Amino acid sequence: MNHKELITALAIKMNAPKSFVADLLELTVSTCIDQLNNGKTIGFQGFGNFEVRKKVERISVHPVSQVRTLIPPKLVVNFKQSNLLKDKLKKSIQS
């Protein structure tokens, strides 16, 4: 599902105009990004949690040339699914 398909699906379920849903989705995403930039965790009940983690610097070795490269530290977003989501996915695979 891409951005446009999500907006269309939400507009149908909410019985609302697509422009309203698009603005609401944009506001939601920008608010989530702001919270992650401030180092806070975002949790959606029944879905999961998003949090920012710092990856430490490391040395990478190219498998063919054996050249070593230093990869600098960086921040990454980590997602941990909720148990409810995990159970629903398990049930859909078993069906």
C-alpha atoms as a PDB file:
ATOM      1  CA  MET A   1       0.000   0.000   0.000  1.00  0.00           C
ATOM      2  CA  ASN A   2       1.422   3.378  -0.955  1.00  0.00           C
ATOM      3  CA  HIS A   3       0.583   6.891   0.262  1.00  0.00           C
ATOM      4  CA  LYS A   4      -2.306   7.503  -2.154  1.00  0.00           C
ATOM      5  CA  GLU A   5      -3.843   4.099  -1.504  1.00  0.00           C
ATOM      6  CA  LEU A   6      -3.695   4.698   2.254  1.00  0.00           C
ATOM      7  CA  ILE A   7      -5.411   8.068   1.893  1.00  0.00           C
ATOM      8  CA  THR A   8      -8.125   6.547  -0.294  1.00  0.00           C
ATOM      9  CA  ALA A   9      -8.726   3.649   2.121  1.00  0.00           C
ATOM     10  CA  LEU A  10      -8.916   5.967   5.126  1.00  0.00           C
ATOM     11  CA  ALA A  11     -11.226   8.390   3.306  1.00  0.00           C
ATOM     12  CA  ILE A  12     -13.624   5.550   2.496  1.00  0.00           C
ATOM     13  CA  LYS A  13     -13.599   4.206   6.071  1.00  0.00           C
ATOM     14  CA  MET A  14     -13.992   7.686   7.581  1.00  0.00           C
ATOM     15  CA  ASN A  15     -16.511   8.833   4.960  1.00  0.00           C
ATOM     16  CA  ALA A  16     -14.439  12.025   4.665  1.00  0.00           C
ATOM     17  CA  PRO A  17     -12.906  13.974   1.772  1.00  0.00           C
ATOM     18  CA  LYS A  18      -9.476  12.821   0.590  1.00  0.00           C
ATOM     19  CA  SER A  19      -8.030  16.312   1.093  1.00  0.00           C
ATOM     20  CA  PHE A  20      -8.991  16.239   4.785  1.00  0.00           C
ATOM     21  CA  VAL A  21      -7.533  12.753   5.239  1.00  0.00           C
ATOM     22  CA  ALA A  22      -4.329  13.756   3.404  1.00  0.00           C
ATOM     23  CA  ASP A  23      -3.885  16.785   5.696  1.00  0.00           C
ATOM     24  CA  LEU A  24      -4.580  14.673   8.779  1.00  0.00           C
ATOM     25  CA  LEU A  25      -2.089  12.016   7.687  1.00  0.00           C
ATOM     26  CA  GLU A  26       0.579  14.645   6.933  1.00  0.00           C
ATOM     27  CA  LEU A  27       0.043  16.228  10.362  1.00  0.00           C
ATOM     28  CA  THR A  28       0.270  12.832  12.056  1.00  0.00           C
ATOM     29  CA  VAL A  29       3.501  11.905  10.279  1.00  0.00           C
ATOM     30  CA  SER A  30       5.136  15.284  10.958  1.00  0.00           C
ATOM     31  CA  THR A  31       4.178  15.079  14.645  1.00  0.00           C
ATOM     32  CA  CYS A  32       5.673  11.574  14.873  1.00  0.00           C
ATOM     33  CA  ILE A  33       8.888  12.771  13.216  1.00  0.00           C
ATOM     34  CA  ASP A  34       9.131  15.702  15.651  1.00  0.00           C
ATOM     35  CA  GLN A  35       8.713  13.366  18.627  1.00  0.00           C
ATOM     36  CA  LEU A  36      11.364  10.968  17.315  1.00  0.00           C
ATOM     37  CA  ASN A  37      13.726  13.904  16.727  1.00  0.00           C
ATOM     38  CA  ASN A  38      13.265  14.827  20.400  1.00  0.00           C
ATOM     39  CA  GLY A  39      14.284  11.311  21.446  1.00  0.00           C
ATOM     40  CA  LYS A  40      10.826  10.177  22.495  1.00  0.00           C
ATOM     41  CA  THR A  41       9.187   6.826  21.828  1.00  0.00           C
ATOM     42  CA  ILE A  42       5.954   6.638  19.859  1.00  0.00           C
ATOM     43  CA  GLY A  43       3.517   3.871  20.743  1.00  0.00           C
ATOM     44  CA  PHE A  44       0.384   2.820  18.912  1.00  0.00           C
ATOM     45  CA  GLN A  45      -1.724   0.517  21.078  1.00  0.00           C
ATOM     46  CA  GLY A  46      -2.285  -2.789  19.321  1.00  0.00           C
ATOM     47  CA  PHE A  47       0.331  -1.981  16.658  1.00  0.00           C
ATOM     48  CA  GLY A  48       3.758  -1.349  18.202  1.00  0.00           C
ATOM     49  CA  ASN A  49       6.404   1.143  19.298  1.00  0.00           C
ATOM     50  CA  PHE A  50       8.841   3.273  17.328  1.00  0.00           C
ATOM     51  CA  GLU A  51      12.013   4.505  18.993  1.00  0.00           C
ATOM     52  CA  VAL A  52      15.315   6.043  17.948  1.00  0.00           C
ATOM     53  CA  ARG A  53      18.458   4.058  18.679  1.00  0.00           C
ATOM     54  CA  LYS A  54      22.090   4.966  18.153  1.00  0.00           C
ATOM     55  CA  LYS A  55      24.228   2.561  16.160  1.00  0.00           C
ATOM     56  CA  VAL A  56      27.874   2.691  17.192  1.00  0.00           C
ATOM     57  CA  GLU A  57      30.639   3.131  14.664  1.00  0.00           C
ATOM     58  CA  ARG A  58      32.052  -0.053  13.226  1.00  0.00           C
ATOM     59  CA  ILE A  59      34.541  -1.316  10.701  1.00  0.00           C
ATOM     60  CA  SER A  60      33.178  -2.930   7.558  1.00  0.00           C
ATOM     61  CA  VAL A  61      35.217  -5.256   5.349  1.00  0.00           C
ATOM     62  CA  HIS A  62      34.449  -5.475   1.621  1.00  0.00           C
ATOM     63  CA  PRO A  63      34.055  -9.199   0.880  1.00  0.00           C
ATOM     64  CA  VAL A  64      35.974  -9.183  -2.427  1.00  0.00           C
ATOM     65  CA  SER A  65      38.721  -6.593  -2.031  1.00  0.00           C
ATOM     66  CA  GLN A  66      39.098  -6.944   1.763  1.00  0.00           C
ATOM     67  CA  VAL A  67      39.239  -3.145   2.059  1.00  0.00           C
ATOM     68  CA  ARG A  68      38.340  -1.950   5.545  1.00  0.00           C
ATOM     69  CA  THR A  69      36.023   1.049   5.870  1.00  0.00           C
ATOM     70  CA  LEU A  70      34.990   2.914   9.012  1.00  0.00           C
ATOM     71  CA  ILE A  71      31.215   3.356   9.178  1.00  0.00           C
ATOM     72  CA  PRO A  72      30.368   6.348  11.410  1.00  0.00           C
ATOM     73  CA  PRO A  73      27.744   6.202  14.180  1.00  0.00           C
ATOM     74  CA  LYS A  74      24.179   7.001  13.169  1.00  0.00           C
ATOM     75  CA  LEU A  75      20.646   7.188  14.505  1.00  0.00           C
ATOM     76  CA  VAL A  76      18.093   4.644  13.255  1.00  0.00           C
ATOM     77  CA  VAL A  77      14.393   4.138  13.925  1.00  0.00           C
ATOM     78  CA  ASN A  78      13.540   0.798  15.483  1.00  0.00           C
ATOM     79  CA  PHE A  79      10.052  -0.768  15.458  1.00  0.00           C
ATOM     80  CA  LYS A  80       8.876  -3.360  17.961  1.00  0.00           C
ATOM     81  CA  GLN A  81       5.534  -4.929  17.164  1.00  0.00           C
ATOM     82  CA  SER A  82       2.912  -5.401  19.867  1.00  0.00           C
ATOM     83  CA  ASN A  83       1.847  -8.839  20.996  1.00  0.00           C
ATOM     84  CA  LEU A  84      -1.633  -8.226  19.566  1.00  0.00           C
ATOM     85  CA  LEU A  85      -0.208  -7.539  16.096  1.00  0.00           C
ATOM     86  CA  LYS A  86       2.104 -10.529  16.385  1.00  0.00           C
ATOM     87  CA  ASP A  87      -0.809 -12.819  17.277  1.00  0.00           C
ATOM     88  CA  LYS A  88      -2.976 -11.519  14.418  1.00  0.00           C
ATOM     89  CA  LEU A  89      -0.169 -12.088  11.921  1.00  0.00           C
ATOM     90  CA  LYS A  90       0.364 -15.624  13.226  1.00  0.00           C
ATOM     91  CA  LYS A  91      -3.350 -16.391  12.847  1.00  0.00           C
ATOM     92  CA  SER A  92      -3.435 -15.079   9.270  1.00  0.00           C
ATOM     93  CA  ILE A  93      -0.514 -17.327   8.298  1.00  0.00           C
ATOM     94  CA  GLN A  94      -2.058 -20.396   9.933  1.00  0.00           C
ATOM     95  CA  SER A  95      -5.418 -19.897   8.180  1.00  0.00           C
END
